């Protein structure tokens, strides 16, 4: 029981770090969007974390880990029925595991919101948060982490490149397609206009908070402190992956654009973190650097691709979490070492370590099936909402800004009240 207590303290610390990542999302998303939407972007994060928490307590946890489930979905033990007390078989107190997993679910939802930014109704957040937390995230989490069919195949996703990040990004993709671009993003000829966020310092600080919180994500997912060197090793790989992603993205932007783009560097750091999330416990540290470097390069070209396809993604969620999530999941199929695979007991070594194409095939299967499921269900939910209650604010409300149209106030009241008066738009 003493070991359970120590492990539980460690995992609880990880849960706090992951939950604190929401502060990073608030700054990242608010800083990356325009001033007239800043209060809305910040406030809806708290609102949706509240929704996700209640739904996860009621049904989400049970749909992932319920003891009466099958290969497709968990079942039973609703309302966190089984999280009180502990048994001799537990490594971590069930109540602590519950809050740890809840924090992960909330992060996936925050990623999805990137596709809604600056044009979605607050009511759309409410309804979609409930349905995503029941029909989308728990299903994929069960497949890989809850003993589902991908787990049976040996899918290697240590802390959620697929479960958390790709799932959220696919939901964001569905939203961006159905909501369509923001007013003024594209000219009639299809040429995109740059719509910069209002505060790059906020965005930078948000990324740094997310970076620190990621140690709860990855190192916390070891779940034990018995082998202190192992969670330290996972933390090192996390740091190296993020660092390589930041450096690679800045350098490739500098080479192609002639300027050292700070925003691209920030997306590179996030891409490196997302990519190393699946593989941090399976690969050597030199491979963590390679994985991060490739993620940093990919995010640059991915952002340009989505913009060219007229998919308006203000927070770059599709690239930093989607494209990088795909690469991170596939990376264990190349770099997973026999020693670490044996230690974790999941799957097989990667292609570069004599494992052949078997594990790469499993990783590809996981990426394809999870992406299709998350996108299709999210698209269906949002399509029905669009045809019934609507998911996008009116043109006038979008021009005024969601701070005023949805909340009747501003995140920056002194600056924006004067600007609205000058524009002759209704206050």
Protein backbone atom coordinates (compact mmCIF):
# COMPACT_ATOMS: atom_id res chain seq x y z
CA UNK A 1 0.00 0.00 0.00
CA UNK A 2 2.93 2.32 0.60
CA UNK A 3 3.99 1.89 -3.03
CA UNK A 4 0.45 2.67 -4.20
CA UNK A 5 0.54 5.85 -2.16
CA UNK A 6 3.82 7.03 -3.64
CA UNK A 7 2.71 6.17 -7.16
CA UNK A 8 -0.58 7.96 -6.59
CA UNK A 9 1.19 11.14 -5.50
CA UNK A 10 3.28 11.03 -8.69
CA UNK A 11 0.28 10.47 -10.95
CA UNK A 12 -1.72 13.15 -9.14
CA UNK A 13 1.12 15.57 -9.84
CA UNK A 14 0.94 14.52 -13.49
CA UNK A 15 -2.83 15.13 -13.50
CA UNK A 16 -2.32 18.63 -12.09
CA UNK A 17 0.27 19.40 -14.78
CA UNK A 18 -2.02 18.13 -17.54
CA UNK A 19 -4.98 20.09 -16.20
CA UNK A 20 -2.78 23.19 -15.95
CA UNK A 21 -2.16 22.82 -19.68
CA UNK A 22 -5.60 24.40 -20.08
CA UNK A 23 -3.95 27.65 -19.00
CA UNK A 24 -1.55 27.17 -21.89
CA UNK A 25 -4.44 26.61 -24.28
CA UNK A 26 -6.15 29.78 -23.06
CA UNK A 27 -3.07 31.90 -23.77
CA UNK A 28 -2.20 30.09 -27.00
CA UNK A 29 -5.69 30.33 -28.50
CA UNK A 30 -6.45 33.84 -27.24
CA UNK A 31 -3.08 35.15 -28.41
CA UNK A 32 -3.48 33.47 -31.82
CA UNK A 33 -6.88 35.06 -32.46
CA UNK A 34 -8.06 38.65 -32.75
CA UNK A 35 -8.61 40.97 -29.81
CA UNK A 36 -12.38 41.13 -30.29
CA UNK A 37 -12.63 37.39 -29.56
CA UNK A 38 -10.08 37.06 -26.76
CA UNK A 39 -12.49 36.94 -23.83
CA UNK A 40 -14.70 34.42 -25.60
CA UNK A 41 -11.79 32.14 -26.45
CA UNK A 42 -10.54 32.20 -22.86
CA UNK A 43 -13.94 31.79 -21.27
CA UNK A 44 -15.16 28.91 -23.43
CA UNK A 45 -12.09 26.90 -22.36
CA UNK A 46 -13.21 26.98 -18.73
CA UNK A 47 -16.82 26.32 -19.76
CA UNK A 48 -15.95 23.25 -21.81
CA UNK A 49 -13.54 21.84 -19.23
CA UNK A 50 -16.46 21.98 -16.84
CA UNK A 51 -18.72 20.14 -19.28
CA UNK A 52 -16.11 17.49 -20.09
CA UNK A 53 -15.43 16.88 -16.38
CA UNK A 54 -19.08 16.18 -15.55
CA UNK A 55 -19.66 13.99 -18.62
CA UNK A 56 -16.42 12.07 -18.02
CA UNK A 57 -17.48 11.41 -14.43
CA UNK A 58 -20.94 10.25 -15.49
CA UNK A 59 -20.12 8.04 -18.48
CA UNK A 60 -16.78 8.79 -20.15
CA UNK A 61 -14.53 6.92 -17.74
CA UNK A 62 -16.84 3.91 -17.80
CA UNK A 63 -16.90 3.83 -21.60
CA UNK A 64 -13.09 3.62 -21.59
CA UNK A 65 -12.39 1.34 -18.62
CA UNK A 66 -15.76 -0.20 -17.69
CA UNK A 67 -15.30 -3.80 -16.65
CA UNK A 68 -18.28 -5.16 -18.61
CA UNK A 69 -17.10 -3.93 -22.00
CA UNK A 70 -15.80 -5.64 -25.12
CA UNK A 71 -13.21 -4.96 -27.82
CA UNK A 72 -15.20 -1.98 -29.13
CA UNK A 73 -16.39 -0.12 -26.02
CA UNK A 74 -16.23 -0.23 -22.23
CA UNK A 75 -19.42 -0.68 -20.26
CA UNK A 76 -20.69 -0.50 -16.71
CA UNK A 77 -19.37 1.26 -13.61
CA UNK A 78 -20.94 4.61 -14.49
CA UNK A 79 -20.68 7.73 -12.34
CA UNK A 80 -17.11 6.79 -11.45
CA UNK A 81 -18.57 3.86 -9.51
CA UNK A 82 -15.32 1.92 -9.21
CA UNK A 83 -12.86 4.67 -8.31
CA UNK A 84 -13.21 4.61 -4.53
CA UNK A 85 -10.77 2.58 -2.47
CA UNK A 86 -8.05 0.39 -3.95
CA UNK A 87 -7.00 -3.24 -4.10
CA UNK A 88 -3.71 -5.09 -3.90
CA UNK A 89 -3.65 -5.32 -7.72
CA UNK A 90 -3.75 -1.54 -8.18
CA UNK A 91 -0.57 0.32 -9.07
CA UNK A 92 -2.27 3.68 -8.58
CA UNK A 93 -5.34 4.57 -6.54
CA UNK A 94 -8.38 4.39 -8.87
CA UNK A 95 -9.54 7.86 -7.81
CA UNK A 96 -6.19 9.33 -8.88
CA UNK A 97 -6.28 7.43 -12.16
CA UNK A 98 -9.73 8.86 -12.78
CA UNK A 99 -8.61 12.48 -12.43
CA UNK A 100 -5.50 11.76 -14.53
CA UNK A 101 -7.61 10.36 -17.37
CA UNK A 102 -10.12 13.19 -17.06
CA UNK A 103 -7.36 15.73 -17.65
CA UNK A 104 -6.40 13.92 -20.88
CA UNK A 105 -9.99 13.99 -22.14
CA UNK A 106 -10.16 17.73 -21.48
CA UNK A 107 -7.01 18.32 -23.53
CA UNK A 108 -8.43 16.45 -26.53
CA UNK A 109 -11.52 18.65 -26.37
CA UNK A 110 -9.40 21.81 -26.23
CA UNK A 111 -7.56 20.69 -29.37
CA UNK A 112 -10.87 20.18 -31.16
CA UNK A 113 -11.88 23.78 -30.37
CA UNK A 114 -9.09 25.07 -32.59
CA UNK A 115 -11.31 24.37 -35.59
CA UNK A 116 -14.19 26.42 -34.15
CA UNK A 117 -12.23 29.58 -33.34
CA UNK A 118 -13.68 33.03 -34.05
CA UNK A 119 -16.89 31.94 -35.76
CA UNK A 120 -18.77 29.28 -33.77
CA UNK A 121 -21.73 29.77 -31.46
CA UNK A 122 -21.21 29.14 -27.77
CA UNK A 123 -24.17 26.74 -27.88
CA UNK A 124 -22.23 24.67 -30.42
CA UNK A 125 -19.43 24.27 -27.90
CA UNK A 126 -21.87 23.08 -25.24
CA UNK A 127 -23.61 20.43 -27.33
CA UNK A 128 -20.52 19.21 -29.14
CA UNK A 129 -18.51 18.95 -25.91
CA UNK A 130 -21.13 16.63 -24.44
CA UNK A 131 -21.38 14.42 -27.53
CA UNK A 132 -17.62 14.35 -28.21
CA UNK A 133 -17.06 13.26 -24.59
CA UNK A 134 -19.52 10.38 -25.01
CA UNK A 135 -19.33 9.23 -28.63
CA UNK A 136 -15.83 10.09 -29.85
CA UNK A 137 -13.02 10.34 -27.31
CA UNK A 138 -13.98 7.40 -25.01
CA UNK A 139 -14.33 5.00 -27.94
CA UNK A 140 -10.83 5.65 -29.27
CA UNK A 141 -9.34 5.73 -25.76
CA UNK A 142 -10.92 2.32 -25.08
CA UNK A 143 -9.58 0.87 -28.32
CA UNK A 144 -5.99 1.70 -27.37
CA UNK A 145 -5.83 2.19 -23.58
CA UNK A 146 -8.90 0.39 -22.24
CA UNK A 147 -8.20 -3.12 -23.51
CA UNK A 148 -9.93 -2.66 -26.86
CA UNK A 149 -9.16 -4.19 -30.22
CA UNK A 150 -6.17 -1.98 -31.09
CA UNK A 151 -4.67 -2.76 -27.70
CA UNK A 152 -5.01 -6.45 -28.52
CA UNK A 153 -3.06 -5.83 -31.73
CA UNK A 154 -0.25 -4.13 -29.77
CA UNK A 155 -0.84 -0.50 -30.80
CA UNK A 156 1.90 1.65 -29.22
CA UNK A 157 0.59 5.03 -28.11
CA UNK A 158 2.21 5.68 -24.77
CA UNK A 159 0.60 9.03 -23.86
CA UNK A 160 -1.78 9.90 -26.65
CA UNK A 161 -0.45 11.05 -30.04
CA UNK A 162 -3.49 9.26 -31.48
CA UNK A 163 -5.87 9.00 -28.53
CA UNK A 164 -5.67 12.65 -27.49
CA UNK A 165 -4.12 14.69 -30.29
CA UNK A 166 -5.19 13.07 -33.55
CA UNK A 167 -8.69 12.56 -32.17
CA UNK A 168 -9.01 16.23 -31.27
CA UNK A 169 -7.51 17.33 -34.59
CA UNK A 170 -9.95 15.22 -36.61
CA UNK A 171 -12.84 16.82 -34.76
CA UNK A 172 -11.29 20.22 -35.50
CA UNK A 173 -11.06 19.29 -39.19
CA UNK A 174 -14.77 18.43 -39.27
CA UNK A 175 -15.55 21.79 -37.67
CA UNK A 176 -13.39 23.84 -40.05
CA UNK A 177 -15.01 22.21 -43.09
CA UNK A 178 -18.59 22.74 -41.89
CA UNK A 179 -18.06 26.21 -40.43
CA UNK A 180 -16.15 27.40 -43.52
CA UNK A 181 -13.45 30.13 -43.38
CA UNK A 182 -13.67 33.29 -41.33
CA UNK A 183 -14.88 36.45 -43.06
CA UNK A 184 -11.94 38.01 -44.86
CA UNK A 185 -9.64 35.01 -44.73
CA UNK A 186 -9.77 34.40 -48.50
CA UNK A 187 -10.17 36.72 -51.47
CA UNK A 188 -12.51 35.88 -54.34
CA UNK A 189 -9.59 34.43 -56.26
CA UNK A 190 -8.88 32.06 -53.38
CA UNK A 191 -5.73 33.83 -52.23
CA UNK A 192 -5.44 33.71 -48.42
CA UNK A 193 -5.03 36.82 -46.29
CA UNK A 194 -2.85 36.79 -43.21
CA UNK A 195 -5.01 37.22 -40.10
CA UNK A 196 -2.51 37.50 -37.26
CA UNK A 197 -3.35 36.89 -33.65
CA UNK A 198 -3.41 39.91 -31.38
CA UNK A 199 -0.68 38.94 -28.90
CA UNK A 200 2.34 36.83 -29.82
CA UNK A 201 3.67 37.08 -26.26
CA UNK A 202 0.50 35.37 -24.99
CA UNK A 203 0.92 32.68 -27.63
CA UNK A 204 4.56 32.12 -26.68
CA UNK A 205 3.79 31.90 -22.98
CA UNK A 206 0.93 29.52 -23.76
CA UNK A 207 3.29 27.19 -25.63
CA UNK A 208 5.77 27.29 -22.75
CA UNK A 209 3.04 26.35 -20.25
CA UNK A 210 1.98 23.50 -22.52
CA UNK A 211 5.62 22.38 -22.79
CA UNK A 212 5.96 22.19 -19.00
CA UNK A 213 2.57 20.52 -18.65
CA UNK A 214 3.65 17.86 -21.15
CA UNK A 215 5.89 16.30 -18.51
CA UNK A 216 2.66 15.38 -16.73
CA UNK A 217 1.38 13.98 -20.01
CA UNK A 218 4.37 11.81 -20.85
CA UNK A 219 6.42 11.20 -17.72
CA UNK A 220 3.23 10.97 -15.66
CA UNK A 221 2.01 8.17 -17.92
CA UNK A 222 4.70 5.87 -16.53
CA UNK A 223 2.29 5.64 -13.54
CA UNK A 224 5.00 4.49 -11.14
CA UNK A 225 8.04 5.85 -9.35
CA UNK A 226 9.54 2.49 -8.46
CA UNK A 227 12.03 2.86 -11.29
CA UNK A 228 12.83 6.55 -11.03
CA UNK A 229 15.24 6.43 -13.94
CA UNK A 230 12.48 5.41 -16.37
CA UNK A 231 10.18 8.39 -15.89
CA UNK A 232 13.28 10.56 -16.03
CA UNK A 233 14.20 8.94 -19.34
CA UNK A 234 10.69 9.61 -20.70
CA UNK A 235 11.03 13.25 -19.58
CA UNK A 236 14.36 13.58 -21.40
CA UNK A 237 12.85 12.24 -24.63
CA UNK A 238 9.95 14.67 -24.24
CA UNK A 239 12.32 17.60 -23.84
CA UNK A 240 14.46 16.59 -26.80
CA UNK A 241 11.50 16.04 -29.10
CA UNK A 242 10.06 19.45 -28.31
CA UNK A 243 13.41 21.18 -28.66
CA UNK A 244 14.11 19.58 -32.02
CA UNK A 245 10.66 20.48 -33.31
CA UNK A 246 11.07 24.14 -32.36
CA UNK A 247 14.50 24.45 -33.97
CA UNK A 248 13.53 22.58 -37.14
CA UNK A 249 10.37 24.62 -37.74
CA UNK A 250 12.17 27.94 -37.30
CA UNK A 251 15.01 26.93 -39.61
CA UNK A 252 12.77 25.57 -42.36
CA UNK A 253 10.58 28.70 -42.22
CA UNK A 254 13.69 30.86 -42.36
CA UNK A 255 14.97 28.94 -45.37
CA UNK A 256 11.71 29.05 -47.34
CA UNK A 257 10.35 32.45 -46.32
CA UNK A 258 13.50 34.44 -45.68
CA UNK A 259 12.33 35.32 -42.16
CA UNK A 260 12.69 33.52 -38.84
CA UNK A 261 8.97 33.11 -38.14
CA UNK A 262 8.33 33.01 -34.38
CA UNK A 263 4.81 31.64 -34.80
CA UNK A 264 6.11 28.76 -36.89
CA UNK A 265 8.73 28.00 -34.25
CA UNK A 266 5.98 27.78 -31.63
CA UNK A 267 3.99 25.39 -33.80
CA UNK A 268 7.17 23.37 -34.28
CA UNK A 269 7.61 23.02 -30.53
CA UNK A 270 4.03 21.80 -30.20
CA UNK A 271 4.47 19.42 -33.14
CA UNK A 272 7.60 17.97 -31.55
CA UNK A 273 5.73 17.48 -28.27
CA UNK A 274 2.77 15.84 -30.00
CA UNK A 275 4.98 13.54 -32.07
CA UNK A 276 7.07 12.33 -29.14
CA UNK A 277 3.96 11.65 -27.03
CA UNK A 278 3.34 8.22 -28.57
CA UNK A 279 6.97 7.16 -28.71
CA UNK A 280 8.62 8.74 -25.66
CA UNK A 281 8.80 5.44 -23.76
CA UNK A 282 9.69 3.26 -26.75
CA UNK A 283 12.65 5.00 -28.42
CA UNK A 284 16.22 6.01 -27.66
CA UNK A 285 16.97 9.67 -27.10
CA UNK A 286 18.72 10.14 -30.44
CA UNK A 287 15.51 8.93 -32.11
CA UNK A 288 13.48 11.41 -30.04
CA UNK A 289 15.51 14.20 -31.65
CA UNK A 290 14.91 12.78 -35.14
CA UNK A 291 11.19 12.42 -34.44
CA UNK A 292 11.00 16.02 -33.23
CA UNK A 293 13.00 17.34 -36.19
CA UNK A 294 10.73 15.62 -38.70
CA UNK A 295 7.65 16.91 -36.84
CA UNK A 296 8.99 20.47 -37.01
CA UNK A 297 9.50 20.19 -40.76
CA UNK A 298 6.13 18.55 -41.34
CA UNK A 299 4.19 21.21 -39.43
CA UNK A 300 5.57 23.96 -41.67
CA UNK A 301 4.43 22.27 -44.89
CA UNK A 302 1.19 21.04 -43.35
CA UNK A 303 0.10 24.56 -42.34
CA UNK A 304 0.78 25.81 -45.87
CA UNK A 305 -1.11 22.85 -47.36
CA UNK A 306 -4.28 23.40 -45.32
CA UNK A 307 -4.24 27.10 -46.07
CA UNK A 308 -3.91 26.37 -49.80
CA UNK A 309 -6.87 23.97 -49.52
CA UNK A 310 -8.95 26.85 -48.07
CA UNK A 311 -9.27 25.15 -44.70
CA UNK A 312 -9.17 27.99 -42.17
CA UNK A 313 -7.38 26.73 -39.05
CA UNK A 314 -6.56 29.76 -36.86
CA UNK A 315 -4.76 27.78 -34.14
CA UNK A 316 -2.95 25.36 -36.53
CA UNK A 317 -4.58 22.46 -34.64
CA UNK A 318 -4.79 20.33 -37.77
CA UNK A 319 -1.04 20.51 -38.33
CA UNK A 320 0.45 20.72 -34.83
CA UNK A 321 -1.84 18.02 -33.42
CA UNK A 322 -3.11 16.14 -36.47
CA UNK A 323 -0.18 15.82 -38.86
CA UNK A 324 2.30 15.58 -35.99
CA UNK A 325 0.02 13.09 -34.21
CA UNK A 326 0.05 10.84 -37.27
CA UNK A 327 3.84 11.01 -37.57
CA UNK A 328 4.34 10.44 -33.85
CA UNK A 329 2.17 7.35 -33.87
CA UNK A 330 3.91 5.92 -36.92
CA UNK A 331 7.36 6.67 -35.50
CA UNK A 332 7.40 3.74 -33.08
CA UNK A 333 6.96 1.48 -36.09
CA UNK A 334 10.42 2.65 -37.14
CA UNK A 335 12.27 3.41 -33.90
CA UNK A 336 10.85 1.24 -31.06
CA UNK A 337 13.74 -0.65 -29.44
CA UNK A 338 13.51 -4.30 -28.35
CA UNK A 339 14.58 -3.46 -24.79
CA UNK A 340 11.90 -0.80 -24.27
CA UNK A 341 9.22 -2.87 -25.97
CA UNK A 342 10.04 -5.74 -23.59
CA UNK A 343 9.90 -3.38 -20.62
CA UNK A 344 6.46 -2.05 -21.55
CA UNK A 345 5.09 -5.31 -22.89
CA UNK A 346 3.21 -3.71 -25.79
CA UNK A 347 3.72 -4.59 -29.45
CA UNK A 348 7.00 -5.35 -31.18
CA UNK A 349 10.24 -3.57 -32.10
CA UNK A 350 10.31 -1.17 -35.02
CA UNK A 351 11.57 -1.59 -38.56
CA UNK A 352 15.04 -0.16 -37.83
CA UNK A 353 15.56 -2.68 -35.02
CA UNK A 354 14.82 -5.85 -36.94
CA UNK A 355 11.10 -5.92 -36.25
CA UNK A 356 10.09 -5.80 -39.89
CA UNK A 357 6.95 -4.02 -41.03
CA UNK A 358 4.65 -5.64 -38.49
CA UNK A 359 4.57 -2.88 -35.88
CA UNK A 360 4.49 -0.18 -38.54
CA UNK A 361 1.43 -1.90 -39.96
CA UNK A 362 -0.27 -1.90 -36.56
CA UNK A 363 0.53 1.78 -36.07
CA UNK A 364 -0.83 2.59 -39.53
CA UNK A 365 -3.99 0.64 -38.79
CA UNK A 366 -4.46 2.61 -35.59
CA UNK A 367 -3.95 5.97 -37.28
CA UNK A 368 -6.31 5.24 -40.17
CA UNK A 369 -9.17 3.72 -38.17
CA UNK A 370 -9.05 6.26 -35.34
CA UNK A 371 -8.83 9.22 -37.74
CA UNK A 372 -11.75 7.99 -39.83
CA UNK A 373 -13.89 7.30 -36.78
CA UNK A 374 -13.15 10.59 -35.03
CA UNK A 375 -13.71 12.63 -38.20
CA UNK A 376 -16.84 10.80 -39.35
CA UNK A 377 -18.64 10.92 -35.99
CA UNK A 378 -17.63 14.53 -35.34
CA UNK A 379 -18.73 15.54 -38.84
CA UNK A 380 -22.08 13.78 -38.40
CA UNK A 381 -22.73 15.48 -35.06
CA UNK A 382 -21.85 18.92 -36.39
CA UNK A 383 -23.73 18.42 -39.65
CA UNK A 384 -26.94 17.64 -37.78
CA UNK A 385 -26.36 20.64 -35.53
CA UNK A 386 -25.71 22.88 -38.54
CA UNK A 387 -28.95 21.78 -40.22
CA UNK A 388 -31.02 22.25 -37.08
CA UNK A 389 -29.81 24.88 -34.61
CA UNK A 390 -26.85 26.26 -36.60
CA UNK A 391 -23.23 26.30 -35.49
CA UNK A 392 -21.94 29.61 -36.86
CA UNK A 393 -22.73 33.10 -35.64
CA UNK A 394 -24.20 35.64 -38.04
CA UNK A 395 -21.99 37.81 -40.23
CA UNK A 396 -22.76 40.86 -38.10
CA UNK A 397 -21.92 39.00 -34.89
CA UNK A 398 -18.64 37.75 -36.36
CA UNK A 399 -17.65 41.25 -37.47
CA UNK A 400 -18.43 42.75 -34.06
CA UNK A 401 -16.62 39.90 -32.33
CA UNK A 402 -17.74 37.01 -30.17
CA UNK A 403 -16.84 38.81 -26.95
CA UNK A 404 -19.70 41.23 -27.47
CA UNK A 405 -22.14 39.11 -29.50
CA UNK A 406 -21.99 36.05 -27.23
CA UNK A 407 -21.16 37.58 -23.84
CA UNK A 408 -22.05 41.24 -23.96
CA UNK A 409 -18.60 42.34 -22.86
CA UNK A 410 -14.98 42.47 -23.99
CA UNK A 411 -11.71 40.94 -22.94
CA UNK A 412 -10.23 44.38 -23.74
CA UNK A 413 -13.13 46.77 -23.08
CA UNK A 414 -11.21 50.05 -23.14
CA UNK A 415 -9.59 49.47 -26.52
CA UNK A 416 -12.42 47.77 -28.37
CA UNK A 417 -15.38 49.84 -27.22
CA UNK A 418 -13.85 52.91 -28.86
CA UNK A 419 -13.08 50.99 -32.07
CA UNK A 420 -16.63 49.65 -32.36
CA UNK A 421 -18.08 53.13 -31.94
CA UNK A 422 -15.88 54.42 -34.77
CA UNK A 423 -17.00 51.57 -37.05
CA UNK A 424 -20.72 52.42 -36.57
CA UNK A 425 -21.47 48.78 -35.77
CA UNK A 426 -24.05 48.20 -33.01
CA UNK A 427 -22.70 47.93 -29.48
